[in-house]
Amino acid sequence: MNISVCMATYNGTKYIEIQLQSILRQLDLNDEVIILDDYSTDETLDLVRKIDDKRIKIFKNEVNKGHVYSFGRVIELATKDIIFMSDQDDIWLDGRVKLMKDKLLNSGALLISTNSNFIDSDGKILDFSLDGVSSESSARHLKNIIDIFIGKTNYVGCAMAFKKELRNLILPIPFYVESHDLWIAMGANIIKSNLHIDEPTLSRRIHGENASIVKRKLLPKLWSRIIFLISLMHLYYRSLLRKK
C-alpha cells in the first residue's frame, strides 16, 4: 500500500523545505509527494525543485484558485493507495506515516484523523488550545457530524489520511465548500467509515499567515452553518448513489 502526500502550496518559501524534509524521510521509494502550487509569486517552486527528489511531482494552477479548489485538484492527481494531506508550513513528527498507515489498514476505516502539537514561526512549542479528535468518539458518527456543525470538533486536513476509495464520495469538492477538511470528515462520518486516534502526529505552525486558523465574526459563522447543511445533504445524496 503506497502513499501519496498531497500538498497545496502558495508563497511557501519560509517553511516548505523543512516540511518536505520531515515528510520525505518517512516515505518509501515508491511513494510520491504531489505538489500543486496555487500561482505563487515567490520562489516556492524553485526551492522544491532544488530538493531534486524523484518522488516529488509538481503541478501548478494558471491563476490563483484558493486552497479548497487546490486541495480538491491535488487529491485528484494522487495515484497511490493511501492519501495524506499536508500543509506547507508544518513539521511531521517521526513515525507519523507508519503509525497512521498501520492504524488505517488495521481498522478497515476509510479515513483516519489525528491530533497535533503547535509551534510558533521559529519552531518553538506553543501552549495553544484547540479542539481535537478523540479515539473514543470514532464510531459516534452522528455526534461527530453535530460537533462539526457547532464548531466543536476540529478536524484538520493536515492531520488526516484516507484510502483512495473515499475519493468516490468526496470528489469533486463543490465550489461553495469553505473547508475541504470538514467536507472530507463529514463524508466519512456519513458512511460510518471514520477512525480517530489520540496521538499527535505533526507540529502545526501558528503564524500570522495561516489560512486555516482564524477567528470569525458572527455573520460568517452563520453562513458557515448554512453551507454545512447544504454540504450534509449533498454528501448524503452522494452516499446513496455510491451504494448503487
C-alpha atoms as a PDB file:
ATOM      1  CA  MET A   1       0.000   0.000   0.000  1.00  0.00           C
ATOM      2  CA  ASN A   2       1.895   3.039  -1.260  1.00  0.00           C
ATOM      3  CA  ILE A   3       1.353   6.642  -0.213  1.00  0.00           C
ATOM      4  CA  SER A   4       0.537   9.902  -1.957  1.00  0.00           C
ATOM      5  CA  VAL A   5       1.241  13.059   0.029  1.00  0.00           C
ATOM      6  CA  CYS A   6      -0.919  15.876  -1.339  1.00  0.00           C
ATOM      7  CA  MET A   7       0.250  19.428  -0.693  1.00  0.00           C
ATOM      8  CA  ALA A   8      -1.203  22.694  -1.962  1.00  0.00           C
ATOM      9  CA  THR A   9       1.393  25.479  -1.845  1.00  0.00           C
ATOM     10  CA  TYR A  10       1.198  29.250  -2.027  1.00  0.00           C
ATOM     11  CA  ASN A  11       4.128  31.565  -1.278  1.00  0.00           C
ATOM     12  CA  GLY A  12       5.670  28.965   0.997  1.00  0.00           C
ATOM     13  CA  THR A  13       9.378  29.749   0.774  1.00  0.00           C
ATOM     14  CA  LYS A  14       9.850  30.285   4.515  1.00  0.00           C
ATOM     15  CA  TYR A  15       8.965  26.794   5.725  1.00  0.00           C
ATOM     16  CA  ILE A  16       8.466  24.409   2.805  1.00  0.00           C
ATOM     17  CA  GLU A  17      11.984  22.923   2.778  1.00  0.00           C
ATOM     18  CA  ILE A  18      11.775  21.955   6.464  1.00  0.00           C
ATOM     19  CA  GLN A  19       8.328  20.452   5.940  1.00  0.00           C
ATOM     20  CA  LEU A  20       9.357  18.426   2.901  1.00  0.00           C
ATOM     21  CA  GLN A  21      12.405  17.077   4.727  1.00  0.00           C
ATOM     22  CA  SER A  22      10.190  15.872   7.582  1.00  0.00           C
ATOM     23  CA  ILE A  23       7.946  14.111   5.039  1.00  0.00           C
ATOM     24  CA  LEU A  24      10.430  12.594   2.618  1.00  0.00           C
ATOM     25  CA  ARG A  25      12.475  10.794   5.262  1.00  0.00           C
ATOM     26  CA  GLN A  26       9.354   8.812   6.232  1.00  0.00           C
ATOM     27  CA  LEU A  27       8.402   7.701   2.711  1.00  0.00           C
ATOM     28  CA  ASP A  28       9.354   4.649   0.695  1.00  0.00           C
ATOM     29  CA  LEU A  29      10.882   4.828  -2.771  1.00  0.00           C
ATOM     30  CA  ASN A  30       7.544   4.040  -4.452  1.00  0.00           C
ATOM     31  CA  ASP A  31       5.613   6.725  -2.570  1.00  0.00           C
ATOM     32  CA  GLU A  32       5.001  10.187  -4.006  1.00  0.00           C
ATOM     33  CA  VAL A  33       4.630  13.828  -2.961  1.00  0.00           C
ATOM     34  CA  ILE A  34       2.291  15.731  -5.245  1.00  0.00           C
ATOM     35  CA  ILE A  35       2.615  19.488  -5.010  1.00  0.00           C
ATOM     36  CA  LEU A  36       0.021  21.764  -6.579  1.00  0.00           C
ATOM     37  CA  ASP A  37       1.143  25.371  -6.470  1.00  0.00           C
ATOM     38  CA  ASP A  38      -1.652  27.935  -6.381  1.00  0.00           C
ATOM     39  CA  TYR A  39       0.102  30.565  -8.533  1.00  0.00           C
ATOM     40  CA  SER A  40       2.775  31.584  -6.034  1.00  0.00           C
ATOM     41  CA  THR A  41       4.534  34.900  -6.561  1.00  0.00           C
ATOM     42  CA  ASP A  42       7.702  33.873  -4.724  1.00  0.00           C
ATOM     43  CA  GLU A  43      10.364  31.182  -5.198  1.00  0.00           C
ATOM     44  CA  THR A  44       8.370  28.308  -3.683  1.00  0.00           C
ATOM     45  CA  LEU A  45       8.697  26.010  -6.686  1.00  0.00           C
ATOM     46  CA  ASP A  46      12.360  26.873  -7.197  1.00  0.00           C
ATOM     47  CA  LEU A  47      13.079  25.666  -3.666  1.00  0.00           C
ATOM     48  CA  VAL A  48      11.093  22.481  -4.235  1.00  0.00           C
ATOM     49  CA  ARG A  49      12.956  21.733  -7.463  1.00  0.00           C
ATOM     50  CA  LYS A  50      16.310  22.180  -5.718  1.00  0.00           C
ATOM     51  CA  ILE A  51      15.460  19.287  -3.409  1.00  0.00           C
ATOM     52  CA  ASP A  52      15.731  17.109  -6.539  1.00  0.00           C
ATOM     53  CA  ASP A  53      13.772  14.112  -5.301  1.00  0.00           C
ATOM     54  CA  LYS A  54      12.113  11.904  -7.926  1.00  0.00           C
ATOM     55  CA  ARG A  55       9.194  11.234  -5.588  1.00  0.00           C
ATOM     56  CA  ILE A  56       8.136  14.898  -5.854  1.00  0.00           C
ATOM     57  CA  LYS A  57       5.727  15.730  -8.687  1.00  0.00           C
ATOM     58  CA  ILE A  58       4.946  19.383  -9.345  1.00  0.00           C
ATOM     59  CA  PHE A  59       1.772  20.875 -10.820  1.00  0.00           C
ATOM     60  CA  LYS A  60       0.508  24.449 -10.754  1.00  0.00           C
ATOM     61  CA  ASN A  61      -2.638  26.477 -11.251  1.00  0.00           C
ATOM     62  CA  GLU A  62      -2.513  29.044 -14.033  1.00  0.00           C
ATOM     63  CA  VAL A  63      -4.298  31.530 -11.769  1.00  0.00           C
ATOM     64  CA  ASN A  64      -4.855  31.677  -8.013  1.00  0.00           C
ATOM     65  CA  LYS A  65      -7.778  29.359  -7.216  1.00  0.00           C
ATOM     66  CA  GLY A  66      -7.744  29.187  -3.414  1.00  0.00           C
ATOM     67  CA  HIS A  67      -6.942  26.350  -1.036  1.00  0.00           C
ATOM     68  CA  VAL A  68     -10.216  24.385  -1.310  1.00  0.00           C
ATOM     69  CA  TYR A  69     -10.036  24.095  -5.096  1.00  0.00           C
ATOM     70  CA  SER A  70      -6.319  23.345  -4.931  1.00  0.00           C
ATOM     71  CA  PHE A  71      -6.678  20.529  -2.412  1.00  0.00           C
ATOM     72  CA  GLY A  72      -9.519  19.036  -4.425  1.00  0.00           C
ATOM     73  CA  ARG A  73      -7.378  19.038  -7.545  1.00  0.00           C
ATOM     74  CA  VAL A  74      -4.235  17.692  -5.887  1.00  0.00           C
ATOM     75  CA  ILE A  75      -6.256  14.826  -4.378  1.00  0.00           C
ATOM     76  CA  GLU A  76      -7.470  14.011  -7.891  1.00  0.00           C
ATOM     77  CA  LEU A  77      -3.843  13.837  -9.052  1.00  0.00           C
ATOM     78  CA  ALA A  78      -2.843  11.279  -6.421  1.00  0.00           C
ATOM     79  CA  THR A  79      -2.013   7.824  -7.829  1.00  0.00           C
ATOM     80  CA  LYS A  80      -1.285   5.733  -4.716  1.00  0.00           C
ATOM     81  CA  ASP A  81      -3.398   3.708  -2.284  1.00  0.00           C
ATOM     82  CA  ILE A  82      -3.358   5.975   0.788  1.00  0.00           C
ATOM     83  CA  ILE A  83      -3.586   9.760   0.578  1.00  0.00           C
ATOM     84  CA  PHE A  84      -2.061  12.035   3.199  1.00  0.00           C
ATOM     85  CA  MET A  85      -2.886  15.735   3.072  1.00  0.00           C
ATOM     86  CA  SER A  86      -0.209  18.221   4.056  1.00  0.00           C
ATOM     87  CA  ASP A  87       0.164  21.925   4.666  1.00  0.00           C
ATOM     88  CA  GLN A  88       3.328  23.666   3.511  1.00  0.00           C
ATOM     89  CA  ASP A  89       4.449  25.064   6.862  1.00  0.00           C
ATOM     90  CA  ASP A  90       4.092  22.270   9.422  1.00  0.00           C
ATOM     91  CA  ILE A  91       6.528  19.560  10.544  1.00  0.00           C
ATOM     92  CA  TRP A  92       5.629  15.865  10.504  1.00  0.00           C
ATOM     93  CA  LEU A  93       6.624  14.028  13.663  1.00  0.00           C
ATOM     94  CA  ASP A  94       8.839  10.977  13.218  1.00  0.00           C
ATOM     95  CA  GLY A  95       6.809   7.797  12.915  1.00  0.00           C
ATOM     96  CA  ARG A  96       3.688   9.606  11.682  1.00  0.00           C
ATOM     97  CA  VAL A  97       3.394   7.770   8.373  1.00  0.00           C
ATOM     98  CA  LYS A  98       3.867   4.270   9.814  1.00  0.00           C
ATOM     99  CA  LEU A  99       1.509   4.910  12.728  1.00  0.00           C
ATOM    100  CA  MET A 100      -1.303   6.303  10.585  1.00  0.00           C
ATOM    101  CA  LYS A 101      -0.865   3.754   7.804  1.00  0.00           C
ATOM    102  CA  ASP A 102      -0.914   0.804  10.216  1.00  0.00           C
ATOM    103  CA  LYS A 103      -3.904   2.105  12.175  1.00  0.00           C
ATOM    104  CA  LEU A 104      -5.853   2.863   8.996  1.00  0.00           C
ATOM    105  CA  LEU A 105      -5.235  -0.539   7.424  1.00  0.00           C
ATOM    106  CA  ASN A 106      -5.954  -2.472  10.617  1.00  0.00           C
ATOM    107  CA  SER A 107      -9.201  -0.596  11.305  1.00  0.00           C
ATOM    108  CA  GLY A 108     -10.921  -1.103   7.968  1.00  0.00           C
ATOM    109  CA  ALA A 109     -11.978   2.572   8.013  1.00  0.00           C
ATOM    110  CA  LEU A 110     -11.502   4.842   5.006  1.00  0.00           C
ATOM    111  CA  LEU A 111     -10.443   7.974   6.937  1.00  0.00           C
ATOM    112  CA  ILE A 112      -8.088   8.446   9.876  1.00  0.00           C
ATOM    113  CA  SER A 113      -7.873  11.717  11.805  1.00  0.00           C
ATOM    114  CA  THR A 114      -5.205  12.554  14.382  1.00  0.00           C
ATOM    115  CA  ASN A 115      -4.136  15.399  16.652  1.00  0.00           C
ATOM    116  CA  SER A 116      -1.213  17.819  16.612  1.00  0.00           C
ATOM    117  CA  ASN A 117       1.215  19.835  18.665  1.00  0.00           C
ATOM    118  CA  PHE A 118       1.678  23.526  17.940  1.00  0.00           C
ATOM    119  CA  ILE A 119       4.794  25.552  17.218  1.00  0.00           C
ATOM    120  CA  ASP A 120       5.457  29.213  16.507  1.00  0.00           C
ATOM    121  CA  SER A 121       7.177  30.730  13.486  1.00  0.00           C
ATOM    122  CA  ASP A 122      10.573  29.822  14.967  1.00  0.00           C
ATOM    123  CA  GLY A 123       9.638  26.216  15.719  1.00  0.00           C
ATOM    124  CA  LYS A 124       9.203  26.680  19.472  1.00  0.00           C
ATOM    125  CA  ILE A 125       6.458  24.694  21.221  1.00  0.00           C
ATOM    126  CA  LEU A 126       3.289  26.680  21.933  1.00  0.00           C
ATOM    127  CA  ASP A 127       0.651  26.120  24.587  1.00  0.00           C
ATOM    128  CA  PHE A 128      -2.210  26.522  22.119  1.00  0.00           C
ATOM    129  CA  SER A 129      -5.728  25.365  22.958  1.00  0.00           C
ATOM    130  CA  LEU A 130      -7.770  23.876  20.130  1.00  0.00           C
ATOM    131  CA  ASP A 131     -10.371  21.128  19.988  1.00  0.00           C
ATOM    132  CA  GLY A 132      -9.065  17.887  18.573  1.00  0.00           C
ATOM    133  CA  VAL A 133     -10.349  14.381  17.917  1.00  0.00           C
ATOM    134  CA  SER A 134     -10.771  11.598  20.450  1.00  0.00           C
ATOM    135  CA  SER A 135     -10.402   7.871  19.831  1.00  0.00           C
ATOM    136  CA  GLU A 136     -13.469   7.101  21.939  1.00  0.00           C
ATOM    137  CA  SER A 137     -15.662   9.138  19.579  1.00  0.00           C
ATOM    138  CA  SER A 138     -14.565   7.427  16.345  1.00  0.00           C
ATOM    139  CA  ALA A 139     -17.809   5.472  15.981  1.00  0.00           C
ATOM    140  CA  ARG A 140     -20.090   8.228  17.282  1.00  0.00           C
ATOM    141  CA  HIS A 141     -20.781   9.328  13.739  1.00  0.00           C
ATOM    142  CA  LEU A 142     -23.904  11.386  14.355  1.00  0.00           C
ATOM    143  CA  LYS A 143     -22.263  13.162  17.288  1.00  0.00           C
ATOM    144  CA  ASN A 144     -19.204  13.892  15.154  1.00  0.00           C
ATOM    145  CA  ILE A 145     -21.387  15.463  12.478  1.00  0.00           C
ATOM    146  CA  ILE A 146     -23.233  17.552  15.074  1.00  0.00           C
ATOM    147  CA  ASP A 147     -19.891  18.641  16.561  1.00  0.00           C
ATOM    148  CA  ILE A 148     -18.775  19.811  13.123  1.00  0.00           C
ATOM    149  CA  PHE A 149     -21.985  21.849  12.866  1.00  0.00           C
ATOM    150  CA  ILE A 150     -21.467  23.583  16.205  1.00  0.00           C
ATOM    151  CA  GLY A 151     -17.752  24.074  15.562  1.00  0.00           C
ATOM    152  CA  LYS A 152     -16.590  21.852  18.412  1.00  0.00           C
ATOM    153  CA  THR A 153     -14.604  19.040  16.791  1.00  0.00           C
ATOM    154  CA  ASN A 154     -11.582  20.327  14.971  1.00  0.00           C
ATOM    155  CA  TYR A 155     -10.906  18.047  12.036  1.00  0.00           C
ATOM    156  CA  VAL A 156      -7.966  19.412  10.051  1.00  0.00           C
ATOM    157  CA  GLY A 157      -6.796  18.077   6.717  1.00  0.00           C
ATOM    158  CA  CYS A 158      -3.112  18.197   7.598  1.00  0.00           C
ATOM    159  CA  ALA A 159      -3.811  15.655  10.385  1.00  0.00           C
ATOM    160  CA  MET A 160      -5.747  13.254   8.117  1.00  0.00           C
ATOM    161  CA  ALA A 161      -5.099  10.371   5.755  1.00  0.00           C
ATOM    162  CA  PHE A 162      -7.567   8.299   3.775  1.00  0.00           C
ATOM    163  CA  LYS A 163      -7.802   5.379   1.375  1.00  0.00           C
ATOM    164  CA  LYS A 164      -8.201   6.290  -2.270  1.00  0.00           C
ATOM    165  CA  GLU A 165     -11.676   4.698  -2.311  1.00  0.00           C
ATOM    166  CA  LEU A 166     -13.007   7.685  -0.355  1.00  0.00           C
ATOM    167  CA  ARG A 167     -12.467   9.870  -3.418  1.00  0.00           C
ATOM    168  CA  ASN A 168     -15.616   8.388  -4.951  1.00  0.00           C
ATOM    169  CA  LEU A 169     -17.567  10.219  -2.264  1.00  0.00           C
ATOM    170  CA  ILE A 170     -15.641  13.447  -1.671  1.00  0.00           C
ATOM    171  CA  LEU A 171     -14.675  14.412  -5.227  1.00  0.00           C
ATOM    172  CA  PRO A 172     -15.346  16.728  -6.832  1.00  0.00           C
ATOM    173  CA  ILE A 173     -15.464  19.208  -3.968  1.00  0.00           C
ATOM    174  CA  PRO A 174     -18.298  21.670  -4.756  1.00  0.00           C
ATOM    175  CA  PHE A 175     -17.451  25.325  -5.379  1.00  0.00           C
ATOM    176  CA  TYR A 176     -19.428  26.502  -2.341  1.00  0.00           C
ATOM    177  CA  VAL A 177     -17.453  24.457   0.204  1.00  0.00           C
ATOM    178  CA  GLU A 178     -15.418  26.600   2.609  1.00  0.00           C
ATOM    179  CA  SER A 179     -13.382  23.836   4.253  1.00  0.00           C
ATOM    180  CA  HIS A 180     -12.179  20.736   2.418  1.00  0.00           C
ATOM    181  CA  ASP A 181     -11.162  19.319   5.828  1.00  0.00           C
ATOM    182  CA  LEU A 182     -14.692  19.340   7.211  1.00  0.00           C
ATOM    183  CA  TRP A 183     -16.188  18.212   3.895  1.00  0.00           C
ATOM    184  CA  ILE A 184     -13.994  15.098   3.953  1.00  0.00           C
ATOM    185  CA  ALA A 185     -14.613  14.413   7.650  1.00  0.00           C
ATOM    186  CA  MET A 186     -18.350  14.794   7.235  1.00  0.00           C
ATOM    187  CA  GLY A 187     -18.371  12.419   4.274  1.00  0.00           C
ATOM    188  CA  ALA A 188     -16.507   9.705   6.188  1.00  0.00           C
ATOM    189  CA  ASN A 189     -18.869  10.035   9.151  1.00  0.00           C
ATOM    190  CA  ILE A 190     -21.932   9.852   6.918  1.00  0.00           C
ATOM    191  CA  ILE A 191     -20.799   6.484   5.558  1.00  0.00           C
ATOM    192  CA  LYS A 192     -19.604   5.393   9.019  1.00  0.00           C
ATOM    193  CA  SER A 193     -16.026   4.818   7.952  1.00  0.00           C
ATOM    194  CA  ASN A 194     -14.103   7.054  10.318  1.00  0.00           C
ATOM    195  CA  LEU A 195     -11.248   6.496  12.770  1.00  0.00           C
ATOM    196  CA  HIS A 196      -9.773   8.879  15.380  1.00  0.00           C
ATOM    197  CA  ILE A 197      -6.503   8.361  17.189  1.00  0.00           C
ATOM    198  CA  ASP A 198      -5.435  10.442  20.156  1.00  0.00           C
ATOM    199  CA  GLU A 199      -1.757  10.724  19.297  1.00  0.00           C
ATOM    200  CA  PRO A 200      -0.318  13.949  17.860  1.00  0.00           C
ATOM    201  CA  THR A 201       1.340  13.190  14.519  1.00  0.00           C
ATOM    202  CA  LEU A 202       2.593  16.609  13.461  1.00  0.00           C
ATOM    203  CA  SER A 203       3.584  20.032  14.732  1.00  0.00           C
ATOM    204  CA  ARG A 204       1.278  22.678  13.277  1.00  0.00           C
ATOM    205  CA  ARG A 205       2.861  26.049  12.836  1.00  0.00           C
ATOM    206  CA  ILE A 206       0.880  29.030  14.122  1.00  0.00           C
ATOM    207  CA  HIS A 207       1.829  32.306  12.481  1.00  0.00           C
ATOM    208  CA  GLY A 208       0.233  35.424  11.024  1.00  0.00           C
ATOM    209  CA  GLU A 209      -0.167  33.985   7.532  1.00  0.00           C
ATOM    210  CA  ASN A 210      -2.132  30.827   8.391  1.00  0.00           C
ATOM    211  CA  ALA A 211      -5.165  30.321   6.209  1.00  0.00           C
ATOM    212  CA  SER A 212      -6.853  27.747   8.445  1.00  0.00           C
ATOM    213  CA  ILE A 213      -6.576  29.202  11.951  1.00  0.00           C
ATOM    214  CA  VAL A 214      -8.656  32.368  12.064  1.00  0.00           C
ATOM    215  CA  LYS A 215     -11.241  33.930  14.359  1.00  0.00           C
ATOM    216  CA  ARG A 216     -14.511  34.524  12.568  1.00  0.00           C
ATOM    217  CA  LYS A 217     -17.280  37.060  13.196  1.00  0.00           C
ATOM    218  CA  LEU A 218     -20.918  36.158  13.735  1.00  0.00           C
ATOM    219  CA  LEU A 219     -22.263  36.539  10.185  1.00  0.00           C
ATOM    220  CA  PRO A 220     -19.548  34.378   8.593  1.00  0.00           C
ATOM    221  CA  LYS A 221     -20.217  31.766  11.286  1.00  0.00           C
ATOM    222  CA  LEU A 222     -23.930  31.766  10.439  1.00  0.00           C
ATOM    223  CA  TRP A 223     -23.155  31.457   6.740  1.00  0.00           C
ATOM    224  CA  SER A 224     -20.910  28.501   7.519  1.00  0.00           C
ATOM    225  CA  ARG A 225     -23.826  26.758   9.218  1.00  0.00           C
ATOM    226  CA  ILE A 226     -25.888  27.159   6.047  1.00  0.00           C
ATOM    227  CA  ILE A 227     -23.006  25.765   3.998  1.00  0.00           C
ATOM    228  CA  PHE A 228     -22.831  22.862   6.429  1.00  0.00           C
ATOM    229  CA  LEU A 229     -26.477  21.928   5.861  1.00  0.00           C
ATOM    230  CA  ILE A 230     -26.114  22.129   2.091  1.00  0.00           C
ATOM    231  CA  SER A 231     -22.951  20.021   2.289  1.00  0.00           C
ATOM    232  CA  LEU A 232     -24.648  17.457   4.506  1.00  0.00           C
ATOM    233  CA  MET A 233     -27.471  16.963   2.026  1.00  0.00           C
ATOM    234  CA  HIS A 234     -25.050  16.845  -0.893  1.00  0.00           C
ATOM    235  CA  LEU A 235     -22.823  14.226   0.719  1.00  0.00           C
ATOM    236  CA  TYR A 236     -25.779  12.141   1.874  1.00  0.00           C
ATOM    237  CA  TYR A 237     -27.133  12.083  -1.679  1.00  0.00           C
ATOM    238  CA  ARG A 238     -23.706  11.024  -2.994  1.00  0.00           C
ATOM    239  CA  SER A 239     -23.536   8.292  -0.364  1.00  0.00           C
ATOM    240  CA  LEU A 240     -26.834   6.860  -1.646  1.00  0.00           C
ATOM    241  CA  LEU A 241     -25.543   6.879  -5.230  1.00  0.00           C
ATOM    242  CA  ARG A 242     -22.333   5.230  -4.032  1.00  0.00           C
ATOM    243  CA  LYS A 243     -24.291   2.219  -2.773  1.00  0.00           C
ATOM    244  CA  LYS A 244     -25.939   1.563  -6.152  1.00  0.00           C
END
